[in-house]
Amino acid sequence: MQLGGRTDPLDELVIPDGTRGEEHDLVTDGDVLVGGQSTVEFGVRGKTVVAGERVTFDGHIEAEGDCRLDMWSSVADNVLVERDAYLGERVRIDGRLVVGGDLDIGDDVEITEGFEANGWIVIRNPMPTVVFLFIYLAQLLRIGEEEAADELLSELVEEEADEVEPLAIPRGSTVSDDAWRVSAPARIGNDCRLHGNFRAESIDVGENCELFGSLRARGDVTVGEGTVVHGDVTTRSGTVALAPSSRVRGDVSCDALTFDPEATVDGAMRARGEMTLARSGNVDEV
């Protein structure tokens, strides 16, 4: 998975390019990573879906690749997996589990409407994939198979380079049609269409997005070119920056405001500090 050079893929909310909300589903072309003790009040559709401990999904899961649910996680509907599935101890699925490949399942797993798998079914405590890879690599190096270890690492890096950036939800977050609440920075890619009010440490929105909700952060908020925000944009102690052709269908309230002449704000603009007009590389204080 391409993690953008960060050591921890869950140190910020990352919504990749083209992510969209469709009725009650959150749909992305890449992987979905959910930190432990989070609540996702959507159905989720993506490539590989990975959830930490005690994650709650209030809808279904559809994974084009693998699906891994750590212990004590729960899903309120069906789980459909095209490849392999890994369920930790005491996972609960209030629907049906359908797996196209192998099923690796821990103790005391509850699946209300039963399950089917086209491959092997192993009932035990599944080993996390990352741990398995480290053990395998360590074993290859121990027996002197450096060339084989290098080939395995090269294959992993090549696979990662071709993949879409994953949708990453930090630990302890709540994601719903009403609000996306995270205690970390939030980064939204280009061409996204999403519902819900965003609450984060800082918010960076890409180009040509449509967000049906407000943006509120402690730090800076950036709204990219051609993006429309159907709500207020507020920051407690940061700067709001509005790019060309961006539009805020509400009020803007911030410590400092930087905006392009082609940006539009339908409501009031309030800045406790400087209000700056940036045009074609020139900056004018208003």
Protein backbone atom coordinates (compact mmCIF):
# COMPACT_ATOMS: atom_id res chain seq x y z
CA MET A 1 0.00 0.00 0.00
CA GLN A 2 1.21 3.43 -0.82
CA LEU A 3 1.35 5.36 2.42
CA GLY A 4 2.59 8.69 1.14
CA GLY A 5 5.96 8.41 2.88
CA ARG A 6 4.45 8.39 6.38
CA THR A 7 5.59 5.86 8.97
CA ASP A 8 2.04 5.43 10.30
CA PRO A 9 -0.78 5.22 7.71
CA LEU A 10 -3.34 6.15 10.38
CA ASP A 11 -1.84 9.38 11.71
CA GLU A 12 -4.32 11.42 9.66
CA LEU A 13 -7.66 11.04 7.93
CA VAL A 14 -6.88 10.41 4.26
CA ILE A 15 -9.63 10.36 1.65
CA PRO A 16 -8.12 9.50 -1.74
CA ASP A 17 -9.05 10.97 -5.13
CA GLY A 18 -12.47 10.03 -6.46
CA THR A 19 -13.96 8.82 -3.16
CA ARG A 20 -17.72 9.24 -3.10
CA GLY A 21 -20.72 8.75 -0.89
CA GLU A 22 -23.42 6.74 -2.66
CA GLU A 23 -26.66 6.53 -0.68
CA HIS A 24 -25.44 4.83 2.53
CA ASP A 25 -22.13 3.55 1.13
CA LEU A 26 -18.62 4.96 1.18
CA VAL A 27 -16.98 3.95 -2.11
CA THR A 28 -13.30 4.12 -3.03
CA ASP A 29 -11.11 2.54 -5.72
CA GLY A 30 -8.32 1.64 -3.28
CA ASP A 31 -7.92 -0.03 0.10
CA VAL A 32 -9.72 0.97 3.30
CA LEU A 33 -7.79 1.13 6.60
CA VAL A 34 -9.73 1.77 9.83
CA GLY A 35 -7.99 2.35 13.15
CA GLY A 36 -9.13 0.59 16.31
CA GLN A 37 -12.15 1.72 18.35
CA SER A 38 -13.65 3.63 15.43
CA THR A 39 -17.26 3.73 14.26
CA VAL A 40 -18.13 3.77 10.56
CA GLU A 41 -21.83 4.43 10.04
CA PHE A 42 -21.61 3.64 6.30
CA GLY A 43 -21.45 0.57 4.20
CA VAL A 44 -17.92 0.32 2.77
CA ARG A 45 -16.87 -0.68 -0.74
CA GLY A 46 -13.20 -0.85 -1.65
CA LYS A 47 -10.32 -3.09 -2.64
CA THR A 48 -8.91 -4.56 0.59
CA VAL A 49 -10.67 -3.64 3.86
CA VAL A 50 -8.65 -3.77 7.10
CA ALA A 51 -10.09 -2.82 10.51
CA GLY A 52 -8.39 -2.75 13.91
CA GLU A 53 -9.78 -3.85 17.27
CA ARG A 54 -13.34 -2.94 18.28
CA VAL A 55 -14.30 -1.25 15.02
CA THR A 56 -18.04 -0.97 14.36
CA PHE A 57 -19.51 -0.91 10.84
CA ASP A 58 -23.20 0.05 10.72
CA GLY A 59 -23.54 -1.16 7.11
CA HIS A 60 -22.16 -3.89 4.88
CA ILE A 61 -18.63 -4.49 3.61
CA GLU A 62 -17.77 -5.29 -0.02
CA ALA A 63 -14.07 -6.01 -0.64
CA GLU A 64 -12.65 -6.68 -4.11
CA GLY A 65 -9.50 -8.02 -2.44
CA ASP A 66 -9.04 -9.31 1.11
CA CYS A 67 -10.90 -8.35 4.27
CA ARG A 68 -9.35 -8.40 7.76
CA LEU A 69 -11.40 -7.63 10.87
CA ASP A 70 -9.52 -7.61 14.17
CA MET A 71 -10.93 -8.89 17.47
CA TRP A 72 -14.18 -7.54 18.89
CA SER A 73 -15.13 -5.80 15.62
CA SER A 74 -18.72 -5.92 14.38
CA VAL A 75 -20.57 -5.49 11.08
CA ALA A 76 -24.32 -4.80 11.00
CA ASP A 77 -24.91 -6.36 7.57
CA ASN A 78 -23.37 -8.75 5.03
CA VAL A 79 -19.64 -9.08 4.33
CA LEU A 80 -18.77 -9.97 0.72
CA VAL A 81 -15.09 -10.71 -0.01
CA GLU A 82 -13.75 -11.65 -3.44
CA ARG A 83 -10.44 -13.05 -2.12
CA ASP A 84 -9.45 -14.10 1.43
CA ALA A 85 -11.02 -13.14 4.76
CA TYR A 86 -9.41 -13.02 8.22
CA LEU A 87 -11.62 -12.66 11.30
CA GLY A 88 -10.16 -12.21 14.78
CA GLU A 89 -11.61 -13.41 18.08
CA ARG A 90 -15.18 -12.46 18.95
CA VAL A 91 -15.94 -10.72 15.67
CA ARG A 92 -19.68 -10.40 15.05
CA ILE A 93 -21.37 -10.20 11.64
CA ASP A 94 -25.13 -9.56 11.72
CA GLY A 95 -25.61 -10.84 8.20
CA ARG A 96 -24.02 -13.34 5.83
CA LEU A 97 -20.31 -13.83 5.11
CA VAL A 98 -19.38 -14.82 1.54
CA VAL A 99 -15.68 -15.39 0.76
CA GLY A 100 -14.30 -16.08 -2.71
CA GLY A 101 -11.01 -17.47 -1.36
CA ASP A 102 -9.82 -18.82 1.99
CA LEU A 103 -11.38 -18.04 5.38
CA ASP A 104 -9.14 -17.74 8.44
CA ILE A 105 -11.31 -17.38 11.54
CA GLY A 106 -10.64 -16.91 15.25
CA ASP A 107 -12.46 -18.14 18.36
CA ASP A 108 -16.02 -17.16 19.32
CA VAL A 109 -16.85 -15.52 15.99
CA GLU A 110 -20.59 -15.02 15.47
CA ILE A 111 -22.08 -14.88 11.95
CA THR A 112 -25.86 -14.53 12.17
CA GLU A 113 -26.85 -15.76 8.70
CA GLY A 114 -24.03 -18.24 8.13
CA PHE A 115 -21.05 -18.22 5.81
CA GLU A 116 -19.58 -19.80 2.71
CA ALA A 117 -16.03 -19.92 1.38
CA ASN A 118 -14.72 -21.31 -1.89
CA GLY A 119 -11.27 -22.05 -0.47
CA TRP A 120 -9.85 -23.44 2.76
CA ILE A 121 -11.54 -22.74 6.10
CA VAL A 122 -9.17 -22.56 9.08
CA ILE A 123 -10.54 -21.98 12.57
CA ARG A 124 -7.81 -20.46 14.76
CA ASN A 125 -6.36 -17.08 15.67
CA PRO A 126 -5.22 -15.59 12.34
CA MET A 127 -1.72 -14.17 12.14
CA PRO A 128 -1.64 -10.58 10.81
CA THR A 129 -0.31 -10.45 7.26
CA VAL A 130 2.43 -7.96 8.14
CA VAL A 131 3.68 -10.19 10.97
CA PHE A 132 3.72 -13.19 8.62
CA LEU A 133 5.78 -11.29 6.04
CA PHE A 134 8.34 -10.23 8.66
CA ILE A 135 8.67 -13.80 9.93
CA TYR A 136 9.01 -15.13 6.38
CA LEU A 137 11.66 -12.56 5.47
CA ALA A 138 13.56 -13.23 8.71
CA GLN A 139 13.55 -16.97 7.96
CA LEU A 140 14.87 -16.41 4.42
CA LEU A 141 17.70 -14.25 5.75
CA ARG A 142 18.49 -16.74 8.53
CA ILE A 143 19.07 -19.57 6.04
CA GLY A 144 21.14 -17.34 3.77
CA GLU A 145 18.54 -16.77 1.02
CA GLU A 146 19.31 -13.08 0.59
CA GLU A 147 18.46 -13.17 -3.12
CA ALA A 148 15.01 -14.65 -2.45
CA ALA A 149 14.38 -12.04 0.27
CA ASP A 150 15.38 -9.23 -2.10
CA GLU A 151 13.02 -10.59 -4.78
CA LEU A 152 10.13 -10.74 -2.30
CA LEU A 153 10.74 -7.15 -1.17
CA SER A 154 11.00 -5.98 -4.80
CA GLU A 155 7.67 -7.62 -5.63
CA LEU A 156 6.00 -5.98 -2.64
CA VAL A 157 7.37 -2.54 -3.54
CA GLU A 158 6.28 -2.91 -7.19
CA GLU A 159 2.78 -3.96 -6.12
CA GLU A 160 2.53 -1.02 -3.72
CA ALA A 161 3.66 1.47 -6.37
CA ASP A 162 0.76 0.49 -8.65
CA GLU A 163 -1.93 0.76 -6.01
CA VAL A 164 -4.22 3.67 -5.26
CA GLU A 165 -3.59 5.50 -1.98
CA PRO A 166 -5.74 3.88 0.72
CA LEU A 167 -8.63 5.53 2.52
CA ALA A 168 -7.30 5.77 6.08
CA ILE A 169 -9.43 6.48 9.16
CA PRO A 170 -7.45 7.17 12.39
CA ARG A 171 -8.03 5.33 15.65
CA GLY A 172 -11.06 6.43 17.69
CA SER A 173 -12.82 8.23 14.83
CA THR A 174 -16.51 8.46 14.03
CA VAL A 175 -17.59 8.58 10.38
CA SER A 176 -21.20 9.09 9.34
CA ASP A 177 -23.56 11.02 7.06
CA ASP A 178 -23.84 13.56 9.88
CA ALA A 179 -20.17 14.08 10.75
CA TRP A 180 -16.60 12.92 10.22
CA ARG A 181 -14.96 13.38 13.63
CA VAL A 182 -11.22 12.76 13.97
CA SER A 183 -8.62 14.00 16.45
CA ALA A 184 -6.00 14.27 13.70
CA PRO A 185 -5.42 16.21 10.46
CA ALA A 186 -7.73 15.47 7.52
CA ARG A 187 -6.70 15.36 3.87
CA ILE A 188 -9.30 15.02 1.12
CA GLY A 189 -8.19 14.26 -2.44
CA ASN A 190 -9.48 15.57 -5.76
CA ASP A 191 -12.86 14.85 -7.36
CA CYS A 192 -14.50 13.62 -4.14
CA ARG A 193 -18.23 13.85 -3.38
CA LEU A 194 -18.98 13.41 0.30
CA HIS A 195 -21.70 14.02 2.89
CA GLY A 196 -21.16 15.06 6.49
CA ASN A 197 -19.60 17.81 8.59
CA PHE A 198 -15.81 17.47 8.94
CA ARG A 199 -14.22 18.01 12.36
CA ALA A 200 -10.42 17.66 12.51
CA GLU A 201 -7.15 19.25 13.66
CA SER A 202 -6.65 20.71 10.17
CA ILE A 203 -8.39 20.15 6.84
CA ASP A 204 -6.92 20.15 3.34
CA VAL A 205 -9.47 19.71 0.54
CA GLY A 206 -8.33 18.99 -3.02
CA GLU A 207 -9.69 20.23 -6.34
CA ASN A 208 -13.16 19.82 -7.85
CA CYS A 209 -14.74 18.28 -4.77
CA GLU A 210 -18.31 18.70 -3.56
CA LEU A 211 -18.79 18.49 0.19
CA PHE A 212 -22.29 18.54 1.64
CA GLY A 213 -21.44 19.77 5.12
CA SER A 214 -19.33 22.24 7.04
CA LEU A 215 -15.58 22.27 7.74
CA ARG A 216 -14.30 23.00 11.25
CA ALA A 217 -10.71 22.71 12.43
CA ARG A 218 -8.39 23.98 15.12
CA GLY A 219 -5.67 24.73 12.59
CA ASP A 220 -5.57 25.66 8.91
CA VAL A 221 -8.28 24.89 6.35
CA THR A 222 -7.52 24.84 2.62
CA VAL A 223 -10.23 24.62 -0.05
CA GLY A 224 -8.91 23.62 -3.46
CA GLU A 225 -9.68 25.01 -6.90
CA GLY A 226 -13.19 24.31 -8.16
CA THR A 227 -14.34 22.79 -4.85
CA VAL A 228 -17.80 23.58 -3.44
CA VAL A 229 -18.51 23.41 0.30
CA HIS A 230 -22.23 23.38 1.17
CA GLY A 231 -21.76 24.75 4.67
CA ASP A 232 -19.64 26.99 6.90
CA VAL A 233 -15.84 26.95 7.06
CA THR A 234 -14.48 27.65 10.55
CA THR A 235 -11.08 27.48 12.19
CA ARG A 236 -10.27 28.28 15.80
CA SER A 237 -6.70 29.52 15.42
CA GLY A 238 -5.61 28.96 11.84
CA THR A 239 -5.80 30.34 8.32
CA VAL A 240 -8.53 29.63 5.78
CA ALA A 241 -7.26 29.62 2.18
CA LEU A 242 -9.72 29.65 -0.72
CA ALA A 243 -8.33 28.74 -4.15
CA PRO A 244 -9.60 30.07 -7.52
CA SER A 245 -13.17 29.03 -8.45
CA SER A 246 -13.78 27.54 -4.99
CA ARG A 247 -17.12 28.29 -3.38
CA VAL A 248 -18.34 28.27 0.21
CA ARG A 249 -22.12 28.24 0.49
CA GLY A 250 -22.02 29.53 4.06
CA ASP A 251 -19.95 31.71 6.38
CA VAL A 252 -16.18 31.78 6.80
CA SER A 253 -14.76 32.44 10.27
CA CYS A 254 -11.03 32.23 11.01
CA ASP A 255 -7.94 33.80 12.49
CA ALA A 256 -6.65 34.84 9.05
CA LEU A 257 -8.14 34.57 5.57
CA THR A 258 -6.42 34.22 2.20
CA PHE A 259 -8.62 34.06 -0.87
CA ASP A 260 -8.44 34.31 -4.64
CA PRO A 261 -10.56 36.96 -6.43
CA GLU A 262 -12.37 34.14 -8.24
CA ALA A 263 -13.34 32.41 -4.99
CA THR A 264 -16.94 32.88 -3.81
CA VAL A 265 -18.36 33.03 -0.30
CA ASP A 266 -22.15 33.19 -0.10
CA GLY A 267 -22.22 34.20 3.57
CA ALA A 268 -20.19 36.47 5.83
CA MET A 269 -16.39 36.48 6.04
CA ARG A 270 -14.90 37.08 9.50
CA ALA A 271 -11.17 37.15 10.24
CA ARG A 272 -9.69 38.15 13.60
CA GLY A 273 -6.38 38.92 11.92
CA GLU A 274 -5.38 39.70 8.33
CA MET A 275 -7.61 39.23 5.31
CA THR A 276 -5.46 38.76 2.21
CA LEU A 277 -6.40 38.84 -1.47
CA ALA A 278 -4.03 36.66 -3.53
CA ARG A 279 -4.12 37.09 -7.30
CA SER A 280 -1.66 35.85 -9.95
CA GLY A 281 1.20 35.63 -7.48
CA ASN A 282 0.49 39.07 -6.01
CA VAL A 283 -0.73 39.44 -2.45
CA ASP A 284 -2.81 42.41 -1.34
CA GLU A 285 -3.88 43.00 2.25
CA VAL A 286 -7.57 43.86 2.55
